[in-house]
Amino acid sequence: MKKLTYLTFSLFSVFSFAQQVSEERIRTVLSTLASDEMKGREIGTPENDNAAHYIAALFKENNLEYCTGNSYLVPFNYKGKTVYNVCGIKKGKTDQYLGFSGHFDHIGTTGKTNGDNIYNGADDDASGITTLVGIADYFKNKKPDFSMVFMAFNGEEKGMLGSTAISTDKTLDPIYNNLISLFNFEMVATESEFGKNAVFMTGDEFSDLAGIFNKNAVNGLRIHPDPYAKEQLFYRSDNVSFVKKKIIAHSISTADMSKIKHYHQVSDDVTVVDFDNLTQIINNFGATLEKLSPENFAPKYNDKVRF
C-alpha cells in the first residue's frame, strides 16, 4: 500500500509539474521582448513591428485561433503608418470569455550615442506580455470552462492608442459581447509590497472581481486592494478602454512605487525581474483560472465606477 501510495503521488507530482510553465520559458519570452535588439519597442519603428510578429509567433505556438481575419496581427493607423495589436483566442467549453492583456510597446531610445541608451521596458511592460503568454502556455493542452482572448496592445505609451483601436473594432464584437472580464497585466516583474506570489488590482473598489477570484485562488496567490487608489490608475491604463464598454476590466500589477526606480529609465532591463516570483504568479494564475466557470465567476461593477 505504501508503495502504491508513493507511486500514485509520484505520478501526480510529475503530471502536475508537466502542466506548469517553466521559469526558462518565462525568461526566454521576457528577455527577447526586452532585448537590446528590440530597441525599446517604440510604436512606429521596425523593432516594434518585430515585437508584434514575435508575439504572433508565440500565439501560433499555443495553437490560438485568430480573433479576426486571417492573422493574429490586427492593424491600425499611427501617423500614416500601419502598426499592429496582436490578438488570439482559445476556445473553451463555453462561449463566454475571459480576457488577458498587456502592452508591448515602450519608449524606444534616449538618442544618446554613448552608454546605455535603450529603454528596454522589461517591467514596463514586457512582463505583462510574458504573463499573458504564460497563461496561454498553461492552457495549451487544456480546455477551460471559459473561452479566452489574449490581446497584446500597442501604443500605450502614446496614450493607449492600441487598446482604444481594438476595443472599438466592430469585428471583435462577438467576443466583446461575451467578455466577462479582462485582466490587464501592467508591470508585474518585481515583488509587490505585499510580498511574493501577490499582486494588486487597480479599481478594486469598483467591482467584486478580486473577492471572487481570491475565493478560488490556489497556492496562496492573492489579489490585494490598490495601495495607490489616489493615483486613479484604474482610469490611466489600457483597461479603461474596456471599462468604457462596461466590461469588467482591471489592471493587475506588482509595482511597489516606494521602491521602484526604473520606471521609464534605461535601468528597466532584465536585471530588475524576479523570474522566480513571476513564474510562480503565472502558474498560480493558471491553476486558479482553471477552477473558474460561468457558475462561480460572474463579477459585477458597483455604482461607484465612472464609464
C-alpha atoms as a PDB file:
ATOM      1  CA  MET A   1       0.000   0.000   0.000  1.00  0.00           C
ATOM      2  CA  LYS A   2       2.851   2.391   0.847  1.00  0.00           C
ATOM      3  CA  LYS A   3       4.500   1.657  -2.498  1.00  0.00           C
ATOM      4  CA  LEU A   4       1.224   2.208  -4.333  1.00  0.00           C
ATOM      5  CA  THR A   5       0.604   5.456  -2.483  1.00  0.00           C
ATOM      6  CA  TYR A   6       4.133   6.658  -3.253  1.00  0.00           C
ATOM      7  CA  LEU A   7       3.753   5.696  -6.896  1.00  0.00           C
ATOM      8  CA  THR A   8       0.425   7.492  -7.149  1.00  0.00           C
ATOM      9  CA  PHE A   9       1.886  10.600  -5.510  1.00  0.00           C
ATOM     10  CA  SER A  10       4.935  10.493  -7.778  1.00  0.00           C
ATOM     11  CA  LEU A  11       2.829  10.220 -10.914  1.00  0.00           C
ATOM     12  CA  PHE A  12       0.626  13.047  -9.695  1.00  0.00           C
ATOM     13  CA  SER A  13       3.677  15.203  -8.999  1.00  0.00           C
ATOM     14  CA  VAL A  14       5.153  14.536 -12.435  1.00  0.00           C
ATOM     15  CA  PHE A  15       1.801  15.239 -14.092  1.00  0.00           C
ATOM     16  CA  SER A  16       1.364  18.471 -12.135  1.00  0.00           C
ATOM     17  CA  PHE A  17       4.883  19.617 -12.953  1.00  0.00           C
ATOM     18  CA  ALA A  18       4.359  18.831 -16.623  1.00  0.00           C
ATOM     19  CA  GLN A  19       1.414  21.184 -16.670  1.00  0.00           C
ATOM     20  CA  GLN A  20       3.425  24.113 -15.330  1.00  0.00           C
ATOM     21  CA  VAL A  21       5.114  26.861 -17.299  1.00  0.00           C
ATOM     22  CA  SER A  22       8.852  26.758 -16.716  1.00  0.00           C
ATOM     23  CA  GLU A  23      10.976  29.633 -15.489  1.00  0.00           C
ATOM     24  CA  GLU A  24      13.185  29.058 -18.521  1.00  0.00           C
ATOM     25  CA  ARG A  25      10.227  29.746 -20.817  1.00  0.00           C
ATOM     26  CA  ILE A  26       9.318  32.910 -18.893  1.00  0.00           C
ATOM     27  CA  ARG A  27      12.915  34.084 -19.003  1.00  0.00           C
ATOM     28  CA  THR A  28      13.171  33.460 -22.749  1.00  0.00           C
ATOM     29  CA  VAL A  29       9.999  35.355 -23.676  1.00  0.00           C
ATOM     30  CA  LEU A  30      10.655  38.349 -21.443  1.00  0.00           C
ATOM     31  CA  SER A  31      14.346  38.563 -22.327  1.00  0.00           C
ATOM     32  CA  THR A  32      13.537  38.508 -26.038  1.00  0.00           C
ATOM     33  CA  LEU A  33      10.999  41.318 -25.756  1.00  0.00           C
ATOM     34  CA  ALA A  34      13.300  43.388 -23.531  1.00  0.00           C
ATOM     35  CA  SER A  35      16.468  42.707 -25.521  1.00  0.00           C
ATOM     36  CA  ASP A  36      18.656  45.492 -26.881  1.00  0.00           C
ATOM     37  CA  GLU A  37      17.762  44.260 -30.375  1.00  0.00           C
ATOM     38  CA  MET A  38      14.175  45.415 -29.785  1.00  0.00           C
ATOM     39  CA  LYS A  39      15.487  48.962 -29.127  1.00  0.00           C
ATOM     40  CA  GLY A  40      12.722  49.852 -26.721  1.00  0.00           C
ATOM     41  CA  ARG A  41       9.824  48.741 -28.997  1.00  0.00           C
ATOM     42  CA  GLU A  42       8.600  52.263 -29.710  1.00  0.00           C
ATOM     43  CA  ILE A  43       5.446  52.348 -31.818  1.00  0.00           C
ATOM     44  CA  GLY A  44       6.097  53.117 -35.478  1.00  0.00           C
ATOM     45  CA  THR A  45       9.590  51.556 -35.525  1.00  0.00           C
ATOM     46  CA  PRO A  46      10.730  48.326 -37.227  1.00  0.00           C
ATOM     47  CA  GLU A  47      11.577  46.918 -33.803  1.00  0.00           C
ATOM     48  CA  ASN A  48       8.003  47.478 -32.636  1.00  0.00           C
ATOM     49  CA  ASP A  49       6.825  45.534 -35.690  1.00  0.00           C
ATOM     50  CA  ASN A  50       9.334  42.798 -34.813  1.00  0.00           C
ATOM     51  CA  ALA A  51       7.886  42.575 -31.317  1.00  0.00           C
ATOM     52  CA  ALA A  52       4.360  42.241 -32.730  1.00  0.00           C
ATOM     53  CA  HIS A  53       5.461  39.435 -35.058  1.00  0.00           C
ATOM     54  CA  TYR A  54       7.284  37.683 -32.208  1.00  0.00           C
ATOM     55  CA  ILE A  55       4.138  37.729 -30.052  1.00  0.00           C
ATOM     56  CA  ALA A  56       2.116  36.439 -33.006  1.00  0.00           C
ATOM     57  CA  ALA A  57       4.582  33.544 -33.323  1.00  0.00           C
ATOM     58  CA  LEU A  58       4.111  32.757 -29.616  1.00  0.00           C
ATOM     59  CA  PHE A  59       0.341  32.739 -30.115  1.00  0.00           C
ATOM     60  CA  LYS A  60       0.784  30.328 -33.008  1.00  0.00           C
ATOM     61  CA  GLU A  61       2.927  28.040 -30.820  1.00  0.00           C
ATOM     62  CA  ASN A  62      -0.010  27.860 -28.426  1.00  0.00           C
ATOM     63  CA  ASN A  63      -2.460  26.990 -31.208  1.00  0.00           C
ATOM     64  CA  LEU A  64      -4.572  30.063 -30.592  1.00  0.00           C
ATOM     65  CA  GLU A  65      -7.166  30.960 -33.203  1.00  0.00           C
ATOM     66  CA  TYR A  66      -7.330  34.346 -34.907  1.00  0.00           C
ATOM     67  CA  CYS A  67      -9.574  36.931 -33.292  1.00  0.00           C
ATOM     68  CA  THR A  68     -10.494  38.385 -36.670  1.00  0.00           C
ATOM     69  CA  GLY A  69      -9.439  37.940 -40.297  1.00  0.00           C
ATOM     70  CA  ASN A  70      -6.564  35.627 -41.206  1.00  0.00           C
ATOM     71  CA  SER A  71      -3.831  36.848 -38.858  1.00  0.00           C
ATOM     72  CA  TYR A  72      -3.057  37.442 -35.200  1.00  0.00           C
ATOM     73  CA  LEU A  73      -1.952  40.938 -36.248  1.00  0.00           C
ATOM     74  CA  VAL A  74      -4.774  43.463 -36.035  1.00  0.00           C
ATOM     75  CA  PRO A  75      -3.741  46.648 -37.881  1.00  0.00           C
ATOM     76  CA  PHE A  76      -4.481  50.266 -37.084  1.00  0.00           C
ATOM     77  CA  ASN A  77      -3.070  53.572 -38.257  1.00  0.00           C
ATOM     78  CA  TYR A  78      -0.408  55.573 -36.439  1.00  0.00           C
ATOM     79  CA  LYS A  79       0.803  58.772 -38.080  1.00  0.00           C
ATOM     80  CA  GLY A  80       0.219  57.362 -41.532  1.00  0.00           C
ATOM     81  CA  LYS A  81       1.874  54.030 -40.744  1.00  0.00           C
ATOM     82  CA  THR A  82       0.249  50.646 -40.317  1.00  0.00           C
ATOM     83  CA  VAL A  83       1.010  49.307 -36.858  1.00  0.00           C
ATOM     84  CA  TYR A  84      -0.377  46.298 -35.046  1.00  0.00           C
ATOM     85  CA  ASN A  85      -2.091  44.976 -31.981  1.00  0.00           C
ATOM     86  CA  VAL A  86      -1.869  41.202 -31.556  1.00  0.00           C
ATOM     87  CA  CYS A  87      -4.901  39.079 -30.700  1.00  0.00           C
ATOM     88  CA  GLY A  88      -5.619  35.359 -30.338  1.00  0.00           C
ATOM     89  CA  ILE A  89      -8.358  33.208 -28.842  1.00  0.00           C
ATOM     90  CA  LYS A  90      -8.528  29.879 -27.055  1.00  0.00           C
ATOM     91  CA  LYS A  91     -11.909  28.188 -27.324  1.00  0.00           C
ATOM     92  CA  GLY A  92     -13.205  26.726 -24.085  1.00  0.00           C
ATOM     93  CA  LYS A  93     -16.254  24.704 -23.127  1.00  0.00           C
ATOM     94  CA  THR A  94     -18.499  27.798 -23.278  1.00  0.00           C
ATOM     95  CA  ASP A  95     -18.694  30.880 -25.490  1.00  0.00           C
ATOM     96  CA  GLN A  96     -18.180  33.194 -22.513  1.00  0.00           C
ATOM     97  CA  TYR A  97     -14.712  34.764 -22.471  1.00  0.00           C
ATOM     98  CA  LEU A  98     -12.079  35.828 -20.018  1.00  0.00           C
ATOM     99  CA  GLY A  99      -9.588  38.335 -21.409  1.00  0.00           C
ATOM    100  CA  PHE A 100      -5.859  38.770 -20.742  1.00  0.00           C
ATOM    101  CA  SER A 101      -3.888  41.752 -21.953  1.00  0.00           C
ATOM    102  CA  GLY A 102      -0.805  43.915 -21.640  1.00  0.00           C
ATOM    103  CA  HIS A 103       1.047  46.397 -23.830  1.00  0.00           C
ATOM    104  CA  PHE A 104       4.191  45.534 -25.762  1.00  0.00           C
ATOM    105  CA  ASP A 105       5.312  48.986 -26.862  1.00  0.00           C
ATOM    106  CA  HIS A 106       7.744  51.068 -24.841  1.00  0.00           C
ATOM    107  CA  ILE A 107       9.541  54.385 -25.282  1.00  0.00           C
ATOM    108  CA  GLY A 108      12.435  53.486 -27.559  1.00  0.00           C
ATOM    109  CA  THR A 109      15.880  55.008 -27.056  1.00  0.00           C
ATOM    110  CA  THR A 110      17.336  58.113 -25.452  1.00  0.00           C
ATOM    111  CA  GLY A 111      19.018  59.416 -28.580  1.00  0.00           C
ATOM    112  CA  LYS A 112      22.389  59.439 -26.832  1.00  0.00           C
ATOM    113  CA  THR A 113      25.337  57.799 -28.598  1.00  0.00           C
ATOM    114  CA  ASN A 114      27.365  56.912 -25.505  1.00  0.00           C
ATOM    115  CA  GLY A 115      26.479  54.421 -22.791  1.00  0.00           C
ATOM    116  CA  ASP A 116      23.181  52.640 -22.309  1.00  0.00           C
ATOM    117  CA  ASN A 117      20.624  54.434 -24.467  1.00  0.00           C
ATOM    118  CA  ILE A 118      17.857  51.817 -24.684  1.00  0.00           C
ATOM    119  CA  TYR A 119      14.652  51.880 -22.672  1.00  0.00           C
ATOM    120  CA  ASN A 120      14.276  48.090 -22.652  1.00  0.00           C
ATOM    121  CA  GLY A 121      10.961  48.096 -20.792  1.00  0.00           C
ATOM    122  CA  ALA A 122      11.434  44.715 -19.101  1.00  0.00           C
ATOM    123  CA  ASP A 123       8.964  45.523 -16.331  1.00  0.00           C
ATOM    124  CA  ASP A 124       7.003  48.046 -18.421  1.00  0.00           C
ATOM    125  CA  ASP A 125       5.547  46.013 -19.968  1.00  0.00           C
ATOM    126  CA  ALA A 126       7.404  43.015 -21.333  1.00  0.00           C
ATOM    127  CA  SER A 127       6.472  41.416 -18.019  1.00  0.00           C
ATOM    128  CA  GLY A 128       2.761  41.863 -18.727  1.00  0.00           C
ATOM    129  CA  ILE A 129       3.045  40.345 -22.197  1.00  0.00           C
ATOM    130  CA  THR A 130       5.083  37.459 -20.772  1.00  0.00           C
ATOM    131  CA  THR A 131       2.322  36.864 -18.222  1.00  0.00           C
ATOM    132  CA  LEU A 132      -0.456  36.586 -20.788  1.00  0.00           C
ATOM    133  CA  VAL A 133       1.755  34.368 -22.992  1.00  0.00           C
ATOM    134  CA  GLY A 134       2.474  32.241 -19.928  1.00  0.00           C
ATOM    135  CA  ILE A 135      -1.247  31.811 -19.288  1.00  0.00           C
ATOM    136  CA  ALA A 136      -1.702  30.775 -22.926  1.00  0.00           C
ATOM    137  CA  ASP A 137       1.156  28.306 -22.423  1.00  0.00           C
ATOM    138  CA  TYR A 138      -0.537  26.924 -19.314  1.00  0.00           C
ATOM    139  CA  PHE A 139      -3.752  26.198 -21.208  1.00  0.00           C
ATOM    140  CA  LYS A 140      -2.162  24.990 -24.455  1.00  0.00           C
ATOM    141  CA  ASN A 141      -3.271  21.379 -23.917  1.00  0.00           C
ATOM    142  CA  LYS A 142      -6.283  22.118 -21.733  1.00  0.00           C
ATOM    143  CA  LYS A 143      -9.902  23.022 -22.422  1.00  0.00           C
ATOM    144  CA  PRO A 144     -11.034  25.526 -19.791  1.00  0.00           C
ATOM    145  CA  ASP A 145     -14.657  26.248 -18.997  1.00  0.00           C
ATOM    146  CA  PHE A 146     -14.264  29.826 -20.229  1.00  0.00           C
ATOM    147  CA  SER A 147     -13.025  30.673 -23.688  1.00  0.00           C
ATOM    148  CA  MET A 148     -10.073  33.053 -23.549  1.00  0.00           C
ATOM    149  CA  VAL A 149      -8.936  36.062 -25.564  1.00  0.00           C
ATOM    150  CA  PHE A 150      -5.317  37.229 -25.424  1.00  0.00           C
ATOM    151  CA  MET A 151      -4.569  40.803 -26.521  1.00  0.00           C
ATOM    152  CA  ALA A 152      -1.171  42.499 -26.788  1.00  0.00           C
ATOM    153  CA  PHE A 153      -1.763  46.219 -27.138  1.00  0.00           C
ATOM    154  CA  ASN A 154       0.441  48.677 -28.996  1.00  0.00           C
ATOM    155  CA  GLY A 155       0.808  52.414 -28.397  1.00  0.00           C
ATOM    156  CA  GLU A 156       0.005  52.524 -24.683  1.00  0.00           C
ATOM    157  CA  GLU A 157       2.899  54.879 -24.095  1.00  0.00           C
ATOM    158  CA  LYS A 158       1.444  57.359 -26.615  1.00  0.00           C
ATOM    159  CA  GLY A 159      -1.975  57.459 -24.993  1.00  0.00           C
ATOM    160  CA  MET A 160      -3.459  53.936 -25.019  1.00  0.00           C
ATOM    161  CA  LEU A 161      -3.773  54.060 -28.817  1.00  0.00           C
ATOM    162  CA  GLY A 162      -3.820  50.315 -29.418  1.00  0.00           C
ATOM    163  CA  SER A 163      -6.360  49.392 -26.766  1.00  0.00           C
ATOM    164  CA  THR A 164      -8.582  52.224 -27.978  1.00  0.00           C
ATOM    165  CA  ALA A 165      -8.361  50.959 -31.558  1.00  0.00           C
ATOM    166  CA  ILE A 166      -9.000  47.300 -30.841  1.00  0.00           C
ATOM    167  CA  SER A 167     -11.741  47.932 -28.275  1.00  0.00           C
ATOM    168  CA  THR A 168     -13.736  49.805 -30.933  1.00  0.00           C
ATOM    169  CA  ASP A 169     -13.133  47.209 -33.671  1.00  0.00           C
ATOM    170  CA  LYS A 170     -16.633  46.028 -34.585  1.00  0.00           C
ATOM    171  CA  THR A 171     -15.342  42.740 -35.999  1.00  0.00           C
ATOM    172  CA  LEU A 172     -14.500  41.743 -32.438  1.00  0.00           C
ATOM    173  CA  ASP A 173     -17.959  42.443 -31.031  1.00  0.00           C
ATOM    174  CA  PRO A 174     -18.845  38.709 -30.951  1.00  0.00           C
ATOM    175  CA  ILE A 175     -16.030  38.356 -28.402  1.00  0.00           C
ATOM    176  CA  TYR A 176     -16.697  41.582 -26.501  1.00  0.00           C
ATOM    177  CA  ASN A 177     -20.407  40.830 -26.190  1.00  0.00           C
ATOM    178  CA  ASN A 178     -19.430  37.686 -24.251  1.00  0.00           C
ATOM    179  CA  LEU A 179     -16.386  39.037 -22.407  1.00  0.00           C
ATOM    180  CA  ILE A 180     -16.979  38.502 -18.682  1.00  0.00           C
ATOM    181  CA  SER A 181     -13.826  40.256 -17.504  1.00  0.00           C
ATOM    182  CA  LEU A 182     -10.420  41.467 -18.631  1.00  0.00           C
ATOM    183  CA  PHE A 183      -7.190  41.076 -16.630  1.00  0.00           C
ATOM    184  CA  ASN A 184      -4.730  43.685 -17.895  1.00  0.00           C
ATOM    185  CA  PHE A 185      -1.187  42.928 -16.698  1.00  0.00           C
ATOM    186  CA  GLU A 186       0.878  46.085 -16.149  1.00  0.00           C
ATOM    187  CA  MET A 187       4.352  45.862 -14.580  1.00  0.00           C
ATOM    188  CA  VAL A 188       4.465  42.502 -12.817  1.00  0.00           C
ATOM    189  CA  ALA A 189       8.233  41.853 -12.878  1.00  0.00           C
ATOM    190  CA  THR A 190       9.042  42.681  -9.258  1.00  0.00           C
ATOM    191  CA  GLU A 191       7.943  41.583  -5.811  1.00  0.00           C
ATOM    192  CA  SER A 192       4.968  43.590  -4.594  1.00  0.00           C
ATOM    193  CA  GLU A 193       4.791  45.407  -1.269  1.00  0.00           C
ATOM    194  CA  PHE A 194       2.550  42.521  -0.171  1.00  0.00           C
ATOM    195  CA  GLY A 195       5.351  40.005  -0.718  1.00  0.00           C
ATOM    196  CA  LYS A 196       5.862  37.252  -3.233  1.00  0.00           C
ATOM    197  CA  ASN A 197       3.012  35.469  -5.004  1.00  0.00           C
ATOM    198  CA  ALA A 198       0.880  38.588  -4.541  1.00  0.00           C
ATOM    199  CA  VAL A 199      -0.481  41.269  -6.861  1.00  0.00           C
ATOM    200  CA  PHE A 200      -2.724  44.282  -6.531  1.00  0.00           C
ATOM    201  CA  MET A 201      -5.648  45.309  -8.710  1.00  0.00           C
ATOM    202  CA  THR A 202      -6.456  48.855  -9.775  1.00  0.00           C
ATOM    203  CA  GLY A 203     -10.012  49.974  -9.135  1.00  0.00           C
ATOM    204  CA  ASP A 204     -10.715  47.141  -6.711  1.00  0.00           C
ATOM    205  CA  GLU A 205     -13.349  49.346  -5.087  1.00  0.00           C
ATOM    206  CA  PHE A 206     -15.403  49.356  -8.298  1.00  0.00           C
ATOM    207  CA  SER A 207     -16.195  45.629  -8.650  1.00  0.00           C
ATOM    208  CA  ASP A 208     -16.279  42.323  -6.805  1.00  0.00           C
ATOM    209  CA  LEU A 209     -13.755  40.651  -9.141  1.00  0.00           C
ATOM    210  CA  ALA A 210     -10.922  40.402  -6.596  1.00  0.00           C
ATOM    211  CA  GLY A 211     -13.148  38.896  -3.924  1.00  0.00           C
ATOM    212  CA  ILE A 212     -14.477  36.190  -6.216  1.00  0.00           C
ATOM    213  CA  PHE A 213     -11.022  35.448  -7.624  1.00  0.00           C
ATOM    214  CA  ASN A 214      -9.476  35.181  -4.155  1.00  0.00           C
ATOM    215  CA  LYS A 215     -12.116  32.693  -3.034  1.00  0.00           C
ATOM    216  CA  ASN A 216     -10.905  30.380  -5.791  1.00  0.00           C
ATOM    217  CA  ALA A 217      -7.190  31.255  -5.682  1.00  0.00           C
ATOM    218  CA  VAL A 218      -4.707  28.416  -5.174  1.00  0.00           C
ATOM    219  CA  ASN A 219      -1.282  28.059  -3.574  1.00  0.00           C
ATOM    220  CA  GLY A 220      -1.557  31.297  -1.615  1.00  0.00           C
ATOM    221  CA  LEU A 221      -1.974  33.596  -4.604  1.00  0.00           C
ATOM    222  CA  ARG A 222      -3.865  36.741  -3.674  1.00  0.00           C
ATOM    223  CA  ILE A 223      -5.119  39.905  -5.339  1.00  0.00           C
ATOM    224  CA  HIS A 224      -4.776  42.836  -2.926  1.00  0.00           C
ATOM    225  CA  PRO A 225      -6.536  46.212  -2.990  1.00  0.00           C
ATOM    226  CA  ASP A 226      -4.857  49.023  -4.908  1.00  0.00           C
ATOM    227  CA  PRO A 227      -2.456  50.765  -2.489  1.00  0.00           C
ATOM    228  CA  TYR A 228      -2.289  53.733  -4.851  1.00  0.00           C
ATOM    229  CA  ALA A 229      -6.005  54.358  -5.284  1.00  0.00           C
ATOM    230  CA  LYS A 230      -5.486  58.120  -5.052  1.00  0.00           C
ATOM    231  CA  GLU A 231      -3.459  57.952  -8.272  1.00  0.00           C
ATOM    232  CA  GLN A 232      -6.576  56.779 -10.175  1.00  0.00           C
ATOM    233  CA  LEU A 233      -4.544  54.151 -12.058  1.00  0.00           C
ATOM    234  CA  PHE A 234      -7.779  52.381 -12.941  1.00  0.00           C
ATOM    235  CA  TYR A 235      -8.547  55.193 -15.385  1.00  0.00           C
ATOM    236  CA  ARG A 236      -4.956  55.582 -16.619  1.00  0.00           C
ATOM    237  CA  SER A 237      -4.124  52.222 -18.177  1.00  0.00           C
ATOM    238  CA  ASP A 238      -5.362  50.125 -21.099  1.00  0.00           C
ATOM    239  CA  ASN A 239      -8.128  48.513 -19.059  1.00  0.00           C
ATOM    240  CA  VAL A 240     -10.087  51.780 -19.266  1.00  0.00           C
ATOM    241  CA  SER A 241     -10.710  51.232 -22.988  1.00  0.00           C
ATOM    242  CA  PHE A 242     -12.873  48.291 -21.970  1.00  0.00           C
ATOM    243  CA  VAL A 243     -14.342  49.947 -18.897  1.00  0.00           C
ATOM    244  CA  LYS A 244     -15.875  52.401 -21.362  1.00  0.00           C
ATOM    245  CA  LYS A 245     -17.638  49.405 -22.928  1.00  0.00           C
ATOM    246  CA  LYS A 246     -18.941  48.469 -19.433  1.00  0.00           C
ATOM    247  CA  ILE A 247     -16.790  45.327 -19.452  1.00  0.00           C
ATOM    248  CA  ILE A 248     -15.257  44.379 -16.099  1.00  0.00           C
ATOM    249  CA  ALA A 249     -11.632  45.350 -16.723  1.00  0.00           C
ATOM    250  CA  HIS A 250      -8.874  45.924 -14.179  1.00  0.00           C
ATOM    251  CA  SER A 251      -5.104  46.206 -14.311  1.00  0.00           C
ATOM    252  CA  ILE A 252      -3.026  43.741 -12.310  1.00  0.00           C
ATOM    253  CA  SER A 253       0.389  44.839 -11.023  1.00  0.00           C
ATOM    254  CA  THR A 254       3.145  44.128  -8.526  1.00  0.00           C
ATOM    255  CA  ALA A 255       4.868  47.526  -8.787  1.00  0.00           C
ATOM    256  CA  ASP A 256       5.975  48.793  -5.377  1.00  0.00           C
ATOM    257  CA  MET A 257       6.074  52.526  -6.045  1.00  0.00           C
ATOM    258  CA  SER A 258       8.048  53.178  -2.857  1.00  0.00           C
ATOM    259  CA  LYS A 259      10.981  51.139  -4.182  1.00  0.00           C
ATOM    260  CA  ILE A 260      10.857  51.204  -7.981  1.00  0.00           C
ATOM    261  CA  LYS A 261      13.492  53.453  -9.511  1.00  0.00           C
ATOM    262  CA  HIS A 262      13.464  52.017 -13.037  1.00  0.00           C
ATOM    263  CA  TYR A 263      10.151  53.365 -14.344  1.00  0.00           C
ATOM    264  CA  HIS A 264      10.840  54.888 -17.788  1.00  0.00           C
ATOM    265  CA  GLN A 265      14.572  54.578 -17.178  1.00  0.00           C
ATOM    266  CA  VAL A 266      17.245  52.696 -19.140  1.00  0.00           C
ATOM    267  CA  SER A 267      17.692  50.582 -15.988  1.00  0.00           C
ATOM    268  CA  ASP A 268      14.349  48.837 -16.691  1.00  0.00           C
ATOM    269  CA  ASP A 269      16.065  45.754 -18.098  1.00  0.00           C
ATOM    270  CA  VAL A 270      16.046  42.062 -17.229  1.00  0.00           C
ATOM    271  CA  THR A 271      18.163  42.651 -14.120  1.00  0.00           C
ATOM    272  CA  VAL A 272      15.099  44.061 -12.323  1.00  0.00           C
ATOM    273  CA  VAL A 273      12.988  40.959 -12.968  1.00  0.00           C
ATOM    274  CA  ASP A 274      12.233  38.463 -10.204  1.00  0.00           C
ATOM    275  CA  PHE A 275      11.792  35.494 -12.525  1.00  0.00           C
ATOM    276  CA  ASP A 276      11.033  33.042  -9.718  1.00  0.00           C
ATOM    277  CA  ASN A 277       8.186  35.194  -8.409  1.00  0.00           C
ATOM    278  CA  LEU A 278       6.817  35.931 -11.888  1.00  0.00           C
ATOM    279  CA  THR A 279       6.835  32.241 -12.795  1.00  0.00           C
ATOM    280  CA  GLN A 280       5.025  31.411  -9.558  1.00  0.00           C
ATOM    281  CA  ILE A 281       2.383  34.066 -10.196  1.00  0.00           C
ATOM    282  CA  ILE A 282       1.792  32.881 -13.765  1.00  0.00           C
ATOM    283  CA  ASN A 283       1.382  29.240 -12.788  1.00  0.00           C
ATOM    284  CA  ASN A 284      -0.864  30.049  -9.837  1.00  0.00           C
ATOM    285  CA  PHE A 285      -2.967  32.347 -12.015  1.00  0.00           C
ATOM    286  CA  GLY A 286      -3.325  29.495 -14.483  1.00  0.00           C
ATOM    287  CA  ALA A 287      -4.291  26.996 -11.792  1.00  0.00           C
ATOM    288  CA  THR A 288      -6.836  29.438 -10.353  1.00  0.00           C
ATOM    289  CA  LEU A 289      -8.331  30.246 -13.758  1.00  0.00           C
ATOM    290  CA  GLU A 290      -8.686  26.516 -14.337  1.00  0.00           C
ATOM    291  CA  LYS A 291     -11.154  26.422 -11.431  1.00  0.00           C
ATOM    292  CA  LEU A 292     -13.286  29.260 -12.768  1.00  0.00           C
ATOM    293  CA  SER A 293     -16.514  28.758 -14.686  1.00  0.00           C
ATOM    294  CA  PRO A 294     -19.586  30.843 -15.537  1.00  0.00           C
ATOM    295  CA  GLU A 295     -21.217  29.264 -12.484  1.00  0.00           C
ATOM    296  CA  ASN A 296     -18.657  30.546  -9.940  1.00  0.00           C
ATOM    297  CA  PHE A 297     -17.198  33.610 -11.645  1.00  0.00           C
ATOM    298  CA  ALA A 298     -19.514  36.401 -12.748  1.00  0.00           C
ATOM    299  CA  PRO A 299     -18.071  39.684 -11.423  1.00  0.00           C
ATOM    300  CA  LYS A 300     -20.101  42.866 -11.479  1.00  0.00           C
ATOM    301  CA  TYR A 301     -19.411  46.594 -11.256  1.00  0.00           C
ATOM    302  CA  ASN A 302     -20.979  48.630  -8.489  1.00  0.00           C
ATOM    303  CA  ASP A 303     -22.403  52.122  -8.761  1.00  0.00           C
ATOM    304  CA  LYS A 304     -19.078  53.827  -7.887  1.00  0.00           C
ATOM    305  CA  VAL A 305     -17.464  53.291 -11.295  1.00  0.00           C
ATOM    306  CA  ARG A 306     -17.467  56.016 -13.995  1.00  0.00           C
ATOM    307  CA  PHE A 307     -17.952  54.729 -17.520  1.00  0.00           C
END
